[in-house]
Amino acid sequence: MQEQNLDVQGAVNWLERYAAGVRGAFLDNVANMPSRGTEVDSRVKVYVNGLAQWVRGNDDWTFESGRYFGDKGAEVQKTRVMSLLPLGASGFVKKSA
């Protein structure tokens, strides 16, 4: 928020655009990978599939672990709407300028 001079909603919007760009670049790179032969292509496909599954698994863990959303994880995962804690309630210390 400070680096981009954004409010909370602006920061969420920025992050959403950034994540969509990273996701799009990954999918474009996968779709345009040059062939290195059947055996190498097969191994690369398994590796890239593992990378994609790790990201998906991390997303699921974020909502299921209780670490970030407590017992509201399933609801937040479904709606993608959450309530923010008041400033200072998270335990993080805000840096002074």
PDB file of N, CA and C in Angstrom:
ATOM      1  N   MET A   1       0.828  -1.184   0.000  1.00  0.00           N
ATOM      2  CA  MET A   1       0.000   0.000   0.000  1.00  0.00           C
ATOM      3  C   MET A   1       0.877   1.254   0.000  1.00  0.00           C
ATOM      4  N   GLN A   2       1.910   1.224   0.824  1.00  0.00           N
ATOM      5  CA  GLN A   2       2.774   2.404   0.900  1.00  0.00           C
ATOM      6  C   GLN A   2       3.563   2.598  -0.386  1.00  0.00           C
ATOM      7  N   GLU A   3       4.118   1.519  -0.902  1.00  0.00           N
ATOM      8  CA  GLU A   3       4.951   1.608  -2.104  1.00  0.00           C
ATOM      9  C   GLU A   3       4.167   2.133  -3.301  1.00  0.00           C
ATOM     10  N   GLN A   4       2.926   1.715  -3.422  1.00  0.00           N
ATOM     11  CA  GLN A   4       2.096   2.117  -4.558  1.00  0.00           C
ATOM     12  C   GLN A   4       1.179   3.303  -4.221  1.00  0.00           C
ATOM     13  N   ASN A   5       1.241   3.759  -2.968  1.00  0.00           N
ATOM     14  CA  ASN A   5       0.393   4.856  -2.494  1.00  0.00           C
ATOM     15  C   ASN A   5      -1.092   4.529  -2.720  1.00  0.00           C
ATOM     16  N   LEU A   6      -1.512   3.371  -2.181  1.00  0.00           N
ATOM     17  CA  LEU A   6      -2.870   2.883  -2.386  1.00  0.00           C
ATOM     18  C   LEU A   6      -3.595   2.706  -1.064  1.00  0.00           C
ATOM     19  N   ASP A   7      -4.923   2.793  -1.121  1.00  0.00           N
ATOM     20  CA  ASP A   7      -5.714   2.415   0.045  1.00  0.00           C
ATOM     21  C   ASP A   7      -5.897   0.897   0.012  1.00  0.00           C
ATOM     22  N   VAL A   8      -6.631   0.353   0.970  1.00  0.00           N
ATOM     23  CA  VAL A   8      -6.776  -1.097   1.061  1.00  0.00           C
ATOM     24  C   VAL A   8      -7.399  -1.667  -0.211  1.00  0.00           C
ATOM     25  N   GLN A   9      -8.497  -1.089  -0.680  1.00  0.00           N
ATOM     26  CA  GLN A   9      -9.151  -1.624  -1.875  1.00  0.00           C
ATOM     27  C   GLN A   9      -8.257  -1.480  -3.099  1.00  0.00           C
ATOM     28  N   GLY A  10      -7.543  -0.375  -3.199  1.00  0.00           N
ATOM     29  CA  GLY A  10      -6.608  -0.199  -4.310  1.00  0.00           C
ATOM     30  C   GLY A  10      -5.511  -1.256  -4.293  1.00  0.00           C
ATOM     31  N   ALA A  11      -5.032  -1.600  -3.101  1.00  0.00           N
ATOM     32  CA  ALA A  11      -3.996  -2.628  -2.977  1.00  0.00           C
ATOM     33  C   ALA A  11      -4.536  -4.001  -3.371  1.00  0.00           C
ATOM     34  N   VAL A  12      -5.759  -4.302  -2.973  1.00  0.00           N
ATOM     35  CA  VAL A  12      -6.376  -5.575  -3.356  1.00  0.00           C
ATOM     36  C   VAL A  12      -6.547  -5.632  -4.872  1.00  0.00           C
ATOM     37  N   ASN A  13      -7.005  -4.533  -5.464  1.00  0.00           N
ATOM     38  CA  ASN A  13      -7.167  -4.480  -6.921  1.00  0.00           C
ATOM     39  C   ASN A  13      -5.829  -4.654  -7.624  1.00  0.00           C
ATOM     40  N   TRP A  14      -4.771  -4.009  -7.105  1.00  0.00           N
ATOM     41  CA  TRP A  14      -3.436  -4.133  -7.694  1.00  0.00           C
ATOM     42  C   TRP A  14      -2.965  -5.578  -7.630  1.00  0.00           C
ATOM     43  N   LEU A  15      -3.141  -6.196  -6.470  1.00  0.00           N
ATOM     44  CA  LEU A  15      -2.714  -7.581  -6.287  1.00  0.00           C
ATOM     45  C   LEU A  15      -3.476  -8.520  -7.218  1.00  0.00           C
ATOM     46  N   GLU A  16      -4.756  -8.275  -7.386  1.00  0.00           N
ATOM     47  CA  GLU A  16      -5.561  -9.100  -8.286  1.00  0.00           C
ATOM     48  C   GLU A  16      -5.040  -9.010  -9.722  1.00  0.00           C
ATOM     49  N   ARG A  17      -4.722  -7.804 -10.170  1.00  0.00           N
ATOM     50  CA  ARG A  17      -4.170  -7.617 -11.527  1.00  0.00           C
ATOM     51  C   ARG A  17      -2.793  -8.277 -11.646  1.00  0.00           C
ATOM     52  N   TYR A  18      -1.974  -8.120 -10.635  1.00  0.00           N
ATOM     53  CA  TYR A  18      -0.636  -8.709 -10.651  1.00  0.00           C
ATOM     54  C   TYR A  18      -0.721 -10.238 -10.730  1.00  0.00           C
ATOM     55  N   ALA A  19      -1.557 -10.821  -9.882  1.00  0.00           N
ATOM     56  CA  ALA A  19      -1.706 -12.286  -9.865  1.00  0.00           C
ATOM     57  C   ALA A  19      -2.240 -12.785 -11.207  1.00  0.00           C
ATOM     58  N   ALA A  20      -3.191 -12.071 -11.791  1.00  0.00           N
ATOM     59  CA  ALA A  20      -3.725 -12.473 -13.101  1.00  0.00           C
ATOM     60  C   ALA A  20      -2.631 -12.415 -14.162  1.00  0.00           C
ATOM     61  N   GLY A  21      -1.750 -11.434 -14.084  1.00  0.00           N
ATOM     62  CA  GLY A  21      -0.641 -11.335 -15.028  1.00  0.00           C
ATOM     63  C   GLY A  21       0.347 -12.470 -14.877  1.00  0.00           C
ATOM     64  N   VAL A  22       0.677 -12.819 -13.643  1.00  0.00           N
ATOM     65  CA  VAL A  22       1.602 -13.926 -13.395  1.00  0.00           C
ATOM     66  C   VAL A  22       0.988 -15.239 -13.886  1.00  0.00           C
ATOM     67  N   ARG A  23      -0.284 -15.439 -13.544  1.00  0.00           N
ATOM     68  CA  ARG A  23      -0.984 -16.659 -13.968  1.00  0.00           C
ATOM     69  C   ARG A  23      -1.038 -16.734 -15.498  1.00  0.00           C
ATOM     70  N   GLY A  24      -1.373 -15.627 -16.143  1.00  0.00           N
ATOM     71  CA  GLY A  24      -1.438 -15.591 -17.600  1.00  0.00           C
ATOM     72  C   GLY A  24      -0.096 -15.862 -18.249  1.00  0.00           C
ATOM     73  N   ALA A  25       0.959 -15.282 -17.698  1.00  0.00           N
ATOM     74  CA  ALA A  25       2.306 -15.501 -18.240  1.00  0.00           C
ATOM     75  C   ALA A  25       2.705 -16.971 -18.095  1.00  0.00           C
ATOM     76  N   PHE A  26       2.388 -17.581 -16.953  1.00  0.00           N
ATOM     77  CA  PHE A  26       2.698 -18.993 -16.751  1.00  0.00           C
ATOM     78  C   PHE A  26       1.990 -19.849 -17.801  1.00  0.00           C
ATOM     79  N   LEU A  27       0.695 -19.612 -17.975  1.00  0.00           N
ATOM     80  CA  LEU A  27      -0.073 -20.409 -18.938  1.00  0.00           C
ATOM     81  C   LEU A  27       0.404 -20.174 -20.368  1.00  0.00           C
ATOM     82  N   ASP A  28       0.749 -18.941 -20.708  1.00  0.00           N
ATOM     83  CA  ASP A  28       1.299 -18.652 -22.039  1.00  0.00           C
ATOM     84  C   ASP A  28       2.626 -19.381 -22.251  1.00  0.00           C
ATOM     85  N   ASN A  29       3.484 -19.354 -21.244  1.00  0.00           N
ATOM     86  CA  ASN A  29       4.771 -20.040 -21.354  1.00  0.00           C
ATOM     87  C   ASN A  29       4.583 -21.550 -21.518  1.00  0.00           C
ATOM     88  N   VAL A  30       3.645 -22.114 -20.776  1.00  0.00           N
ATOM     89  CA  VAL A  30       3.377 -23.549 -20.904  1.00  0.00           C
ATOM     90  C   VAL A  30       2.879 -23.868 -22.312  1.00  0.00           C
ATOM     91  N   ALA A  31       1.974 -23.047 -22.807  1.00  0.00           N
ATOM     92  CA  ALA A  31       1.403 -23.292 -24.138  1.00  0.00           C
ATOM     93  C   ALA A  31       2.431 -23.124 -25.252  1.00  0.00           C
ATOM     94  N   ASN A  32       3.458 -22.331 -25.025  1.00  0.00           N
ATOM     95  CA  ASN A  32       4.432 -22.029 -26.071  1.00  0.00           C
ATOM     96  C   ASN A  32       5.814 -22.633 -25.827  1.00  0.00           C
ATOM     97  N   MET A  33       5.885 -23.644 -24.977  1.00  0.00           N
ATOM     98  CA  MET A  33       7.176 -24.280 -24.716  1.00  0.00           C
ATOM     99  C   MET A  33       7.665 -25.000 -25.964  1.00  0.00           C
ATOM    100  N   PRO A  34       8.922 -24.813 -26.296  1.00  0.00           N
ATOM    101  CA  PRO A  34       9.454 -25.526 -27.459  1.00  0.00           C
ATOM    102  C   PRO A  34       9.598 -27.016 -27.141  1.00  0.00           C
ATOM    103  N   SER A  35       9.487 -27.822 -28.167  1.00  0.00           N
ATOM    104  CA  SER A  35       9.651 -29.263 -28.007  1.00  0.00           C
ATOM    105  C   SER A  35      11.132 -29.610 -27.966  1.00  0.00           C
ATOM    106  N   ARG A  36      11.464 -30.537 -27.080  1.00  0.00           N
ATOM    107  CA  ARG A  36      12.838 -31.030 -26.965  1.00  0.00           C
ATOM    108  C   ARG A  36      12.880 -32.541 -27.202  1.00  0.00           C
ATOM    109  N   GLY A  37      11.830 -33.044 -27.791  1.00  0.00           N
ATOM    110  CA  GLY A  37      11.745 -34.480 -28.033  1.00  0.00           C
ATOM    111  C   GLY A  37      10.756 -35.125 -27.082  1.00  0.00           C
ATOM    112  N   THR A  38      10.242 -36.268 -27.483  1.00  0.00           N
ATOM    113  CA  THR A  38       9.175 -36.927 -26.733  1.00  0.00           C
ATOM    114  C   THR A  38       9.535 -37.204 -25.274  1.00  0.00           C
ATOM    115  N   GLU A  39      10.706 -37.755 -25.015  1.00  0.00           N
ATOM    116  CA  GLU A  39      11.085 -38.116 -23.650  1.00  0.00           C
ATOM    117  C   GLU A  39      11.238 -36.876 -22.769  1.00  0.00           C
ATOM    118  N   VAL A  40      11.949 -35.872 -23.262  1.00  0.00           N
ATOM    119  CA  VAL A  40      12.148 -34.644 -22.484  1.00  0.00           C
ATOM    120  C   VAL A  40      10.818 -33.919 -22.303  1.00  0.00           C
ATOM    121  N   ASP A  41      10.028 -33.821 -23.371  1.00  0.00           N
ATOM    122  CA  ASP A  41       8.721 -33.153 -23.273  1.00  0.00           C
ATOM    123  C   ASP A  41       7.841 -33.812 -22.214  1.00  0.00           C
ATOM    124  N   SER A  42       7.881 -35.131 -22.140  1.00  0.00           N
ATOM    125  CA  SER A  42       7.084 -35.860 -21.160  1.00  0.00           C
ATOM    126  C   SER A  42       7.530 -35.524 -19.737  1.00  0.00           C
ATOM    127  N   ARG A  43       8.825 -35.472 -19.521  1.00  0.00           N
ATOM    128  CA  ARG A  43       9.352 -35.141 -18.186  1.00  0.00           C
ATOM    129  C   ARG A  43       9.049 -33.693 -17.808  1.00  0.00           C
ATOM    130  N   VAL A  44       9.193 -32.803 -18.775  1.00  0.00           N
ATOM    131  CA  VAL A  44       8.894 -31.386 -18.521  1.00  0.00           C
ATOM    132  C   VAL A  44       7.415 -31.213 -18.195  1.00  0.00           C
ATOM    133  N   LYS A  45       6.555 -31.935 -18.895  1.00  0.00           N
ATOM    134  CA  LYS A  45       5.111 -31.854 -18.635  1.00  0.00           C
ATOM    135  C   LYS A  45       4.790 -32.275 -17.199  1.00  0.00           C
ATOM    136  N   VAL A  46       5.419 -33.354 -16.738  1.00  0.00           N
ATOM    137  CA  VAL A  46       5.206 -33.813 -15.357  1.00  0.00           C
ATOM    138  C   VAL A  46       5.673 -32.739 -14.365  1.00  0.00           C
ATOM    139  N   TYR A  47       6.827 -32.149 -14.622  1.00  0.00           N
ATOM    140  CA  TYR A  47       7.374 -31.118 -13.737  1.00  0.00           C
ATOM    141  C   TYR A  47       6.469 -29.882 -13.695  1.00  0.00           C
ATOM    142  N   VAL A  48       6.072 -29.407 -14.868  1.00  0.00           N
ATOM    143  CA  VAL A  48       5.221 -28.205 -14.940  1.00  0.00           C
ATOM    144  C   VAL A  48       3.869 -28.484 -14.302  1.00  0.00           C
ATOM    145  N   ASN A  49       3.343 -29.674 -14.499  1.00  0.00           N
ATOM    146  CA  ASN A  49       2.098 -30.060 -13.851  1.00  0.00           C
ATOM    147  C   ASN A  49       2.245 -30.003 -12.330  1.00  0.00           C
ATOM    148  N   GLY A  50       3.387 -30.457 -11.835  1.00  0.00           N
ATOM    149  CA  GLY A  50       3.651 -30.397 -10.397  1.00  0.00           C
ATOM    150  C   GLY A  50       3.694 -28.972  -9.879  1.00  0.00           C
ATOM    151  N   LEU A  51       4.297 -28.076 -10.648  1.00  0.00           N
ATOM    152  CA  LEU A  51       4.320 -26.663 -10.259  1.00  0.00           C
ATOM    153  C   LEU A  51       2.903 -26.111 -10.143  1.00  0.00           C
ATOM    154  N   ALA A  52       2.083 -26.396 -11.141  1.00  0.00           N
ATOM    155  CA  ALA A  52       0.703 -25.900 -11.138  1.00  0.00           C
ATOM    156  C   ALA A  52      -0.086 -26.491  -9.969  1.00  0.00           C
ATOM    157  N   GLN A  53       0.121 -27.768  -9.680  1.00  0.00           N
ATOM    158  CA  GLN A  53      -0.589 -28.403  -8.575  1.00  0.00           C
ATOM    159  C   GLN A  53      -0.138 -27.849  -7.224  1.00  0.00           C
ATOM    160  N   TRP A  54       1.145 -27.489  -7.114  1.00  0.00           N
ATOM    161  CA  TRP A  54       1.636 -26.890  -5.873  1.00  0.00           C
ATOM    162  C   TRP A  54       0.923 -25.565  -5.611  1.00  0.00           C
ATOM    163  N   VAL A  55       0.775 -24.752  -6.640  1.00  0.00           N
ATOM    164  CA  VAL A  55       0.084 -23.467  -6.481  1.00  0.00           C
ATOM    165  C   VAL A  55      -1.357 -23.705  -6.060  1.00  0.00           C
ATOM    166  N   ARG A  56      -2.021 -24.634  -6.711  1.00  0.00           N
ATOM    167  CA  ARG A  56      -3.415 -24.936  -6.374  1.00  0.00           C
ATOM    168  C   ARG A  56      -3.515 -25.477  -4.946  1.00  0.00           C
ATOM    169  N   GLY A  57      -2.597 -26.355  -4.573  1.00  0.00           N
ATOM    170  CA  GLY A  57      -2.602 -26.897  -3.218  1.00  0.00           C
ATOM    171  C   GLY A  57      -2.373 -25.823  -2.170  1.00  0.00           C
ATOM    172  N   ASN A  58      -1.494 -24.882  -2.468  1.00  0.00           N
ATOM    173  CA  ASN A  58      -1.238 -23.785  -1.541  1.00  0.00           C
ATOM    174  C   ASN A  58      -2.494 -22.928  -1.366  1.00  0.00           C
ATOM    175  N   ASP A  59      -3.219 -22.706  -2.460  1.00  0.00           N
ATOM    176  CA  ASP A  59      -4.471 -21.953  -2.387  1.00  0.00           C
ATOM    177  C   ASP A  59      -5.459 -22.671  -1.471  1.00  0.00           C
ATOM    178  N   ASP A  60      -5.628 -23.982  -1.665  1.00  0.00           N
ATOM    179  CA  ASP A  60      -6.538 -24.744  -0.805  1.00  0.00           C
ATOM    180  C   ASP A  60      -6.094 -24.687   0.659  1.00  0.00           C
ATOM    181  N   TRP A  61      -4.805 -24.867   0.909  1.00  0.00           N
ATOM    182  CA  TRP A  61      -4.287 -24.855   2.278  1.00  0.00           C
ATOM    183  C   TRP A  61      -4.575 -23.514   2.955  1.00  0.00           C
ATOM    184  N   THR A  62      -4.453 -22.434   2.202  1.00  0.00           N
ATOM    185  CA  THR A  62      -4.690 -21.099   2.750  1.00  0.00           C
ATOM    186  C   THR A  62      -6.070 -21.011   3.392  1.00  0.00           C
ATOM    187  N   PHE A  63      -7.064 -21.607   2.763  1.00  0.00           N
ATOM    188  CA  PHE A  63      -8.431 -21.530   3.266  1.00  0.00           C
ATOM    189  C   PHE A  63      -8.754 -22.623   4.286  1.00  0.00           C
ATOM    190  N   GLU A  64      -8.102 -23.772   4.171  1.00  0.00           N
ATOM    191  CA  GLU A  64      -8.449 -24.901   5.028  1.00  0.00           C
ATOM    192  C   GLU A  64      -7.666 -24.952   6.337  1.00  0.00           C
ATOM    193  N   SER A  65      -6.525 -24.296   6.395  1.00  0.00           N
ATOM    194  CA  SER A  65      -5.657 -24.432   7.568  1.00  0.00           C
ATOM    195  C   SER A  65      -6.144 -23.672   8.796  1.00  0.00           C
ATOM    196  N   GLY A  66      -6.936 -22.648   8.614  1.00  0.00           N
ATOM    197  CA  GLY A  66      -7.353 -21.805   9.728  1.00  0.00           C
ATOM    198  C   GLY A  66      -6.362 -20.701  10.037  1.00  0.00           C
ATOM    199  N   ARG A  67      -5.193 -20.738   9.414  1.00  0.00           N
ATOM    200  CA  ARG A  67      -4.159 -19.744   9.710  1.00  0.00           C
ATOM    201  C   ARG A  67      -4.591 -18.325   9.345  1.00  0.00           C
ATOM    202  N   TYR A  68      -5.233 -18.182   8.211  1.00  0.00           N
ATOM    203  CA  TYR A  68      -5.562 -16.838   7.731  1.00  0.00           C
ATOM    204  C   TYR A  68      -7.015 -16.444   7.964  1.00  0.00           C
ATOM    205  N   PHE A  69      -7.921 -17.416   7.955  1.00  0.00           N
ATOM    206  CA  PHE A  69      -9.341 -17.076   8.016  1.00  0.00           C
ATOM    207  C   PHE A  69     -10.078 -17.758   9.159  1.00  0.00           C
ATOM    208  N   GLY A  70      -9.329 -18.418  10.046  1.00  0.00           N
ATOM    209  CA  GLY A  70      -9.971 -19.096  11.172  1.00  0.00           C
ATOM    210  C   GLY A  70     -10.981 -20.118  10.689  1.00  0.00           C
ATOM    211  N   ASP A  71     -12.145 -20.126  11.315  1.00  0.00           N
ATOM    212  CA  ASP A  71     -13.179 -21.091  10.927  1.00  0.00           C
ATOM    213  C   ASP A  71     -14.037 -20.591   9.775  1.00  0.00           C
ATOM    214  N   LYS A  72     -13.677 -19.467   9.175  1.00  0.00           N
ATOM    215  CA  LYS A  72     -14.438 -18.893   8.054  1.00  0.00           C
ATOM    216  C   LYS A  72     -13.799 -19.200   6.695  1.00  0.00           C
ATOM    217  N   GLY A  73     -12.796 -20.066   6.672  1.00  0.00           N
ATOM    218  CA  GLY A  73     -12.058 -20.331   5.449  1.00  0.00           C
ATOM    219  C   GLY A  73     -12.907 -20.796   4.282  1.00  0.00           C
ATOM    220  N   ALA A  74     -13.814 -21.742   4.522  1.00  0.00           N
ATOM    221  CA  ALA A  74     -14.647 -22.269   3.429  1.00  0.00           C
ATOM    222  C   ALA A  74     -15.535 -21.176   2.854  1.00  0.00           C
ATOM    223  N   GLU A  75     -16.076 -20.336   3.736  1.00  0.00           N
ATOM    224  CA  GLU A  75     -16.938 -19.233   3.280  1.00  0.00           C
ATOM    225  C   GLU A  75     -16.133 -18.213   2.460  1.00  0.00           C
ATOM    226  N   VAL A  76     -14.954 -17.862   2.948  1.00  0.00           N
ATOM    227  CA  VAL A  76     -14.107 -16.904   2.234  1.00  0.00           C
ATOM    228  C   VAL A  76     -13.662 -17.483   0.893  1.00  0.00           C
ATOM    229  N   GLN A  77     -13.350 -18.775   0.872  1.00  0.00           N
ATOM    230  CA  GLN A  77     -12.940 -19.410  -0.380  1.00  0.00           C
ATOM    231  C   GLN A  77     -14.075 -19.362  -1.406  1.00  0.00           C
ATOM    232  N   LYS A  78     -15.288 -19.570  -0.949  1.00  0.00           N
ATOM    233  CA  LYS A  78     -16.445 -19.582  -1.854  1.00  0.00           C
ATOM    234  C   LYS A  78     -16.794 -18.171  -2.338  1.00  0.00           C
ATOM    235  N   THR A  79     -16.830 -17.216  -1.419  1.00  0.00           N
ATOM    236  CA  THR A  79     -17.285 -15.867  -1.766  1.00  0.00           C
ATOM    237  C   THR A  79     -16.157 -14.924  -2.159  1.00  0.00           C
ATOM    238  N   ARG A  80     -14.924 -15.255  -1.703  1.00  0.00           N
ATOM    239  CA  ARG A  80     -13.755 -14.371  -1.873  1.00  0.00           C
ATOM    240  C   ARG A  80     -13.988 -13.005  -1.231  1.00  0.00           C
ATOM    241  N   VAL A  81     -14.814 -12.987  -0.178  1.00  0.00           N
ATOM    242  CA  VAL A  81     -15.091 -11.773   0.592  1.00  0.00           C
ATOM    243  C   VAL A  81     -14.678 -12.039   2.030  1.00  0.00           C
ATOM    244  N   MET A  82     -13.968 -11.081   2.625  1.00  0.00           N
ATOM    245  CA  MET A  82     -13.537 -11.244   4.010  1.00  0.00           C
ATOM    246  C   MET A  82     -13.580  -9.906   4.726  1.00  0.00           C
ATOM    247  N   SER A  83     -13.589  -9.969   6.038  1.00  0.00           N
ATOM    248  CA  SER A  83     -13.533  -8.768   6.863  1.00  0.00           C
ATOM    249  C   SER A  83     -12.098  -8.575   7.325  1.00  0.00           C
ATOM    250  N   LEU A  84     -11.657  -7.345   7.331  1.00  0.00           N
ATOM    251  CA  LEU A  84     -10.304  -7.029   7.785  1.00  0.00           C
ATOM    252  C   LEU A  84     -10.325  -6.681   9.258  1.00  0.00           C
ATOM    253  N   LEU A  85      -9.255  -7.037   9.956  1.00  0.00           N
ATOM    254  CA  LEU A  85      -9.111  -6.668  11.356  1.00  0.00           C
ATOM    255  C   LEU A  85      -8.794  -5.183  11.455  1.00  0.00           C
ATOM    256  N   PRO A  86      -9.125  -4.559  12.567  1.00  0.00           N
ATOM    257  CA  PRO A  86      -8.741  -3.149  12.748  1.00  0.00           C
ATOM    258  C   PRO A  86      -7.224  -3.008  12.720  1.00  0.00           C
ATOM    259  N   LEU A  87      -6.737  -1.852  12.315  1.00  0.00           N
ATOM    260  CA  LEU A  87      -5.303  -1.588  12.254  1.00  0.00           C
ATOM    261  C   LEU A  87      -4.662  -1.881  13.605  1.00  0.00           C
ATOM    262  N   GLY A  88      -3.602  -2.675  13.602  1.00  0.00           N
ATOM    263  CA  GLY A  88      -2.899  -3.024  14.822  1.00  0.00           C
ATOM    264  C   GLY A  88      -3.386  -4.308  15.478  1.00  0.00           C
ATOM    265  N   ALA A  89      -4.552  -4.809  15.077  1.00  0.00           N
ATOM    266  CA  ALA A  89      -5.099  -6.016  15.695  1.00  0.00           C
ATOM    267  C   ALA A  89      -4.425  -7.287  15.204  1.00  0.00           C
ATOM    268  N   SER A  90      -3.674  -7.208  14.115  1.00  0.00           N
ATOM    269  CA  SER A  90      -3.065  -8.405  13.545  1.00  0.00           C
ATOM    270  C   SER A  90      -1.782  -8.814  14.253  1.00  0.00           C
ATOM    271  N   GLY A  91      -1.241  -7.939  15.068  1.00  0.00           N
ATOM    272  CA  GLY A  91       0.020  -8.234  15.723  1.00  0.00           C
ATOM    273  C   GLY A  91       1.209  -7.659  14.970  1.00  0.00           C
ATOM    274  N   PHE A  92       0.977  -7.157  13.768  1.00  0.00           N
ATOM    275  CA  PHE A  92       2.058  -6.543  13.008  1.00  0.00           C
ATOM    276  C   PHE A  92       2.227  -5.102  13.457  1.00  0.00           C
ATOM    277  N   VAL A  93       3.436  -4.649  13.473  1.00  0.00           N
ATOM    278  CA  VAL A  93       3.722  -3.282  13.870  1.00  0.00           C
ATOM    279  C   VAL A  93       3.857  -2.437  12.628  1.00  0.00           C
ATOM    280  N   LYS A  94       3.113  -1.355  12.561  1.00  0.00           N
ATOM    281  CA  LYS A  94       3.195  -0.453  11.425  1.00  0.00           C
ATOM    282  C   LYS A  94       4.470   0.391  11.523  1.00  0.00           C
ATOM    283  N   LYS A  95       5.224   0.412  10.443  1.00  0.00           N
ATOM    284  CA  LYS A  95       6.440   1.223  10.421  1.00  0.00           C
ATOM    285  C   LYS A  95       6.076   2.699  10.321  1.00  0.00           C
ATOM    286  N   SER A  96       6.762   3.503  11.087  1.00  0.00           N
ATOM    287  CA  SER A  96       6.527   4.939  10.966  1.00  0.00           C
ATOM    288  C   SER A  96       7.344   5.481   9.812  1.00  0.00           C
ATOM    289  N   ALA A  97       6.856   6.563   9.224  1.00  0.00           N
ATOM    290  CA  ALA A  97       7.508   7.145   8.037  1.00  0.00           C
ATOM    291  C   ALA A  97       8.802   7.811   8.351  1.00  0.00           C
TER     292      ALA A  97
END
